[in-house]
Amino acid sequence: MSQWNQVQQLEIKFLEQVDQFYDDNFPMEIRHLLAQWIECQDWEVASNNETMATILLQNLLIQLDEQLGRVSKEKNLLLIHNLKRIRKVL
């Protein structure tokens, strides 16, 4: 079971704490949509290696673009707006 799935099963008091980690710079929707991809990346290496961090950022943007293409077909206006906004911020 993915970490994100485990988080979603926490008691409400802990979910409220998790909610505090997410903001407009990296909304929870993005974490939810890209959970599997995010959990497969080596963030520890990237935190100490600028080249790796740059590569992960570029790959994150690619993942966002792919999600944007998918939700555009579903015509989910709110999610499309949020994906475009976070893409612009990143």
N, C-alpha and C. Protein backbone atom coordinates (compact mmCIF):
# COMPACT_ATOMS: atom_id res chain seq x y z
N MET A 1 0.85 -1.18 0.00
CA MET A 1 0.00 0.00 0.00
C MET A 1 0.90 1.24 0.00
N SER A 2 0.56 2.20 -0.83
CA SER A 2 1.38 3.41 -0.93
C SER A 2 1.26 4.25 0.34
N GLN A 3 2.25 5.07 0.54
CA GLN A 3 2.23 5.97 1.70
C GLN A 3 1.00 6.86 1.66
N TRP A 4 0.67 7.35 0.47
CA TRP A 4 -0.47 8.25 0.36
C TRP A 4 -1.77 7.54 0.73
N ASN A 5 -1.91 6.30 0.32
CA ASN A 5 -3.10 5.53 0.71
C ASN A 5 -3.15 5.34 2.22
N GLN A 6 -2.00 5.11 2.83
CA GLN A 6 -1.95 4.97 4.28
C GLN A 6 -2.33 6.27 4.98
N VAL A 7 -1.85 7.38 4.45
CA VAL A 7 -2.19 8.69 5.03
C VAL A 7 -3.69 8.91 5.01
N GLN A 8 -4.32 8.56 3.91
CA GLN A 8 -5.75 8.78 3.77
C GLN A 8 -6.59 7.95 4.75
N GLN A 9 -5.99 6.95 5.35
CA GLN A 9 -6.71 6.11 6.29
C GLN A 9 -6.50 6.52 7.75
N LEU A 10 -5.76 7.60 7.96
CA LEU A 10 -5.52 8.08 9.32
C LEU A 10 -6.80 8.62 9.95
N GLU A 11 -6.78 8.71 11.27
CA GLU A 11 -7.89 9.33 11.98
C GLU A 11 -7.95 10.80 11.62
N ILE A 12 -9.12 11.39 11.77
CA ILE A 12 -9.36 12.78 11.34
C ILE A 12 -8.40 13.76 12.00
N LYS A 13 -8.05 13.56 13.26
CA LYS A 13 -7.15 14.50 13.94
C LYS A 13 -5.77 14.50 13.28
N PHE A 14 -5.34 13.35 12.76
CA PHE A 14 -4.06 13.30 12.07
C PHE A 14 -4.17 13.83 10.65
N LEU A 15 -5.32 13.59 10.01
CA LEU A 15 -5.54 14.14 8.67
C LEU A 15 -5.50 15.66 8.70
N GLU A 16 -5.99 16.25 9.76
CA GLU A 16 -5.95 17.71 9.90
C GLU A 16 -4.51 18.19 9.99
N GLN A 17 -3.64 17.42 10.63
CA GLN A 17 -2.22 17.77 10.70
C GLN A 17 -1.57 17.65 9.32
N VAL A 18 -1.93 16.61 8.58
CA VAL A 18 -1.40 16.43 7.23
C VAL A 18 -1.82 17.61 6.36
N ASP A 19 -3.06 18.05 6.52
CA ASP A 19 -3.58 19.16 5.73
C ASP A 19 -2.73 20.42 5.89
N GLN A 20 -2.13 20.59 7.03
CA GLN A 20 -1.31 21.78 7.29
C GLN A 20 -0.01 21.79 6.50
N PHE A 21 0.41 20.63 5.99
CA PHE A 21 1.64 20.55 5.21
C PHE A 21 1.47 21.09 3.79
N TYR A 22 0.25 21.14 3.34
CA TYR A 22 -0.01 21.51 1.95
C TYR A 22 -0.56 22.93 1.87
N ASP A 23 -0.11 23.65 0.83
CA ASP A 23 -0.56 25.02 0.64
C ASP A 23 -0.67 25.29 -0.86
N ASP A 24 -0.77 26.56 -1.22
CA ASP A 24 -0.91 26.93 -2.62
C ASP A 24 0.34 26.63 -3.44
N ASN A 25 1.49 26.51 -2.79
CA ASN A 25 2.72 26.21 -3.52
C ASN A 25 2.81 24.76 -3.95
N PHE A 26 2.19 23.88 -3.19
CA PHE A 26 2.12 22.47 -3.56
C PHE A 26 0.85 21.89 -2.95
N PRO A 27 -0.26 22.05 -3.65
CA PRO A 27 -1.55 21.62 -3.11
C PRO A 27 -1.66 20.11 -2.95
N MET A 28 -2.51 19.71 -2.06
CA MET A 28 -2.73 18.30 -1.78
C MET A 28 -3.23 17.56 -3.03
N GLU A 29 -3.93 18.24 -3.90
CA GLU A 29 -4.40 17.61 -5.13
C GLU A 29 -3.25 17.05 -5.96
N ILE A 30 -2.15 17.80 -6.00
CA ILE A 30 -0.99 17.36 -6.76
C ILE A 30 -0.38 16.13 -6.10
N ARG A 31 -0.29 16.17 -4.78
CA ARG A 31 0.24 15.00 -4.05
C ARG A 31 -0.63 13.78 -4.33
N HIS A 32 -1.92 14.00 -4.34
CA HIS A 32 -2.85 12.90 -4.59
C HIS A 32 -2.71 12.36 -6.01
N LEU A 33 -2.70 13.24 -6.99
CA LEU A 33 -2.62 12.81 -8.39
C LEU A 33 -1.30 12.13 -8.73
N LEU A 34 -0.22 12.60 -8.12
CA LEU A 34 1.11 12.10 -8.47
C LEU A 34 1.71 11.22 -7.38
N ALA A 35 0.87 10.68 -6.51
CA ALA A 35 1.34 9.92 -5.35
C ALA A 35 2.32 8.81 -5.74
N GLN A 36 1.96 8.00 -6.68
CA GLN A 36 2.82 6.88 -7.05
C GLN A 36 4.16 7.37 -7.59
N TRP A 37 4.12 8.35 -8.46
CA TRP A 37 5.36 8.88 -9.04
C TRP A 37 6.22 9.50 -7.94
N ILE A 38 5.62 10.32 -7.09
CA ILE A 38 6.36 11.00 -6.02
C ILE A 38 7.06 9.98 -5.12
N GLU A 39 6.36 8.92 -4.78
CA GLU A 39 6.92 7.92 -3.86
C GLU A 39 8.02 7.07 -4.48
N CYS A 40 8.13 7.10 -5.79
CA CYS A 40 9.17 6.31 -6.47
C CYS A 40 10.46 7.10 -6.70
N GLN A 41 10.47 8.36 -6.34
CA GLN A 41 11.64 9.20 -6.59
C GLN A 41 12.59 9.18 -5.39
N ASP A 42 13.86 9.42 -5.66
CA ASP A 42 14.87 9.46 -4.61
C ASP A 42 15.08 10.91 -4.18
N TRP A 43 14.20 11.38 -3.32
CA TRP A 43 14.22 12.78 -2.88
C TRP A 43 15.41 13.06 -1.98
N GLU A 44 15.90 12.07 -1.28
CA GLU A 44 17.06 12.28 -0.41
C GLU A 44 18.30 12.63 -1.23
N VAL A 45 18.52 11.90 -2.31
CA VAL A 45 19.65 12.21 -3.19
C VAL A 45 19.46 13.59 -3.80
N ALA A 46 18.25 13.90 -4.23
CA ALA A 46 17.99 15.20 -4.86
C ALA A 46 18.21 16.35 -3.89
N SER A 47 17.98 16.12 -2.60
CA SER A 47 18.15 17.20 -1.62
C SER A 47 19.62 17.58 -1.45
N ASN A 48 20.52 16.70 -1.88
CA ASN A 48 21.96 16.97 -1.75
C ASN A 48 22.67 17.10 -3.09
N ASN A 49 21.90 17.09 -4.18
CA ASN A 49 22.51 17.09 -5.51
C ASN A 49 21.66 17.98 -6.42
N GLU A 50 22.19 19.14 -6.76
CA GLU A 50 21.43 20.11 -7.55
C GLU A 50 21.04 19.58 -8.93
N THR A 51 21.92 18.83 -9.54
CA THR A 51 21.62 18.26 -10.85
C THR A 51 20.44 17.30 -10.76
N MET A 52 20.47 16.44 -9.75
CA MET A 52 19.37 15.49 -9.56
C MET A 52 18.07 16.23 -9.23
N ALA A 53 18.16 17.28 -8.43
CA ALA A 53 16.99 18.07 -8.08
C ALA A 53 16.39 18.72 -9.32
N THR A 54 17.23 19.20 -10.20
CA THR A 54 16.77 19.82 -11.45
C THR A 54 16.07 18.79 -12.33
N ILE A 55 16.64 17.62 -12.40
CA ILE A 55 16.04 16.54 -13.19
C ILE A 55 14.67 16.16 -12.62
N LEU A 56 14.60 16.03 -11.30
CA LEU A 56 13.32 15.68 -10.69
C LEU A 56 12.28 16.78 -10.91
N LEU A 57 12.69 18.03 -10.85
CA LEU A 57 11.76 19.12 -11.12
C LEU A 57 11.24 19.03 -12.54
N GLN A 58 12.12 18.82 -13.50
CA GLN A 58 11.70 18.69 -14.90
C GLN A 58 10.75 17.50 -15.07
N ASN A 59 11.05 16.41 -14.41
CA ASN A 59 10.17 15.24 -14.49
C ASN A 59 8.83 15.50 -13.82
N LEU A 60 8.84 16.26 -12.73
CA LEU A 60 7.60 16.64 -12.07
C LEU A 60 6.73 17.48 -13.01
N LEU A 61 7.35 18.40 -13.71
CA LEU A 61 6.61 19.23 -14.67
C LEU A 61 6.03 18.37 -15.79
N ILE A 62 6.77 17.38 -16.23
CA ILE A 62 6.26 16.46 -17.25
C ILE A 62 5.06 15.70 -16.71
N GLN A 63 5.16 15.23 -15.48
CA GLN A 63 4.04 14.52 -14.87
C GLN A 63 2.81 15.42 -14.76
N LEU A 64 3.03 16.67 -14.38
CA LEU A 64 1.91 17.62 -14.30
C LEU A 64 1.27 17.84 -15.67
N ASP A 65 2.10 17.96 -16.69
CA ASP A 65 1.58 18.12 -18.06
C ASP A 65 0.75 16.91 -18.48
N GLU A 66 1.22 15.72 -18.13
CA GLU A 66 0.47 14.51 -18.48
C GLU A 66 -0.87 14.48 -17.75
N GLN A 67 -0.87 14.86 -16.48
CA GLN A 67 -2.12 14.91 -15.72
C GLN A 67 -3.05 15.97 -16.30
N LEU A 68 -2.49 17.09 -16.68
CA LEU A 68 -3.30 18.16 -17.28
C LEU A 68 -3.96 17.68 -18.56
N GLY A 69 -3.23 16.95 -19.38
CA GLY A 69 -3.80 16.38 -20.59
C GLY A 69 -4.94 15.42 -20.29
N ARG A 70 -4.74 14.61 -19.26
CA ARG A 70 -5.76 13.63 -18.88
C ARG A 70 -7.02 14.32 -18.36
N VAL A 71 -6.86 15.27 -17.44
CA VAL A 71 -8.05 15.90 -16.86
C VAL A 71 -8.72 16.86 -17.84
N SER A 72 -7.97 17.35 -18.81
CA SER A 72 -8.58 18.21 -19.83
C SER A 72 -9.62 17.44 -20.63
N LYS A 73 -9.35 16.15 -20.87
CA LYS A 73 -10.31 15.30 -21.57
C LYS A 73 -11.56 15.06 -20.73
N GLU A 74 -11.39 15.07 -19.40
CA GLU A 74 -12.51 14.86 -18.49
C GLU A 74 -13.29 16.16 -18.23
N LYS A 75 -12.73 17.26 -18.68
CA LYS A 75 -13.34 18.59 -18.52
C LYS A 75 -13.61 18.93 -17.06
N ASN A 76 -12.63 18.60 -16.21
CA ASN A 76 -12.70 18.93 -14.79
C ASN A 76 -12.10 20.32 -14.61
N LEU A 77 -12.94 21.34 -14.71
CA LEU A 77 -12.49 22.73 -14.74
C LEU A 77 -11.66 23.11 -13.53
N LEU A 78 -12.09 22.73 -12.34
CA LEU A 78 -11.37 23.10 -11.13
C LEU A 78 -9.98 22.47 -11.10
N LEU A 79 -9.90 21.20 -11.43
CA LEU A 79 -8.61 20.53 -11.42
C LEU A 79 -7.70 21.07 -12.53
N ILE A 80 -8.25 21.36 -13.67
CA ILE A 80 -7.47 21.96 -14.76
C ILE A 80 -6.88 23.29 -14.29
N HIS A 81 -7.71 24.11 -13.68
CA HIS A 81 -7.24 25.41 -13.16
C HIS A 81 -6.10 25.22 -12.16
N ASN A 82 -6.30 24.29 -11.21
CA ASN A 82 -5.29 24.08 -10.16
C ASN A 82 -3.99 23.51 -10.73
N LEU A 83 -4.08 22.61 -11.69
CA LEU A 83 -2.88 22.07 -12.31
C LEU A 83 -2.11 23.15 -13.07
N LYS A 84 -2.83 23.99 -13.79
CA LYS A 84 -2.17 25.09 -14.51
C LYS A 84 -1.50 26.05 -13.54
N ARG A 85 -2.17 26.33 -12.44
CA ARG A 85 -1.64 27.27 -11.44
C ARG A 85 -0.37 26.71 -10.80
N ILE A 86 -0.39 25.47 -10.39
CA ILE A 86 0.80 24.89 -9.74
C ILE A 86 1.93 24.74 -10.74
N ARG A 87 1.59 24.43 -11.97
CA ARG A 87 2.62 24.33 -13.04
C ARG A 87 3.32 25.67 -13.20
N LYS A 88 2.55 26.74 -13.17
CA LYS A 88 3.11 28.09 -13.30
C LYS A 88 3.98 28.43 -12.09
N VAL A 89 3.54 28.07 -10.90
CA VAL A 89 4.30 28.34 -9.69
C VAL A 89 5.63 27.62 -9.71
N LEU A 90 5.60 26.35 -10.13
CA LEU A 90 6.85 25.58 -10.17
C LEU A 90 7.75 26.03 -11.30
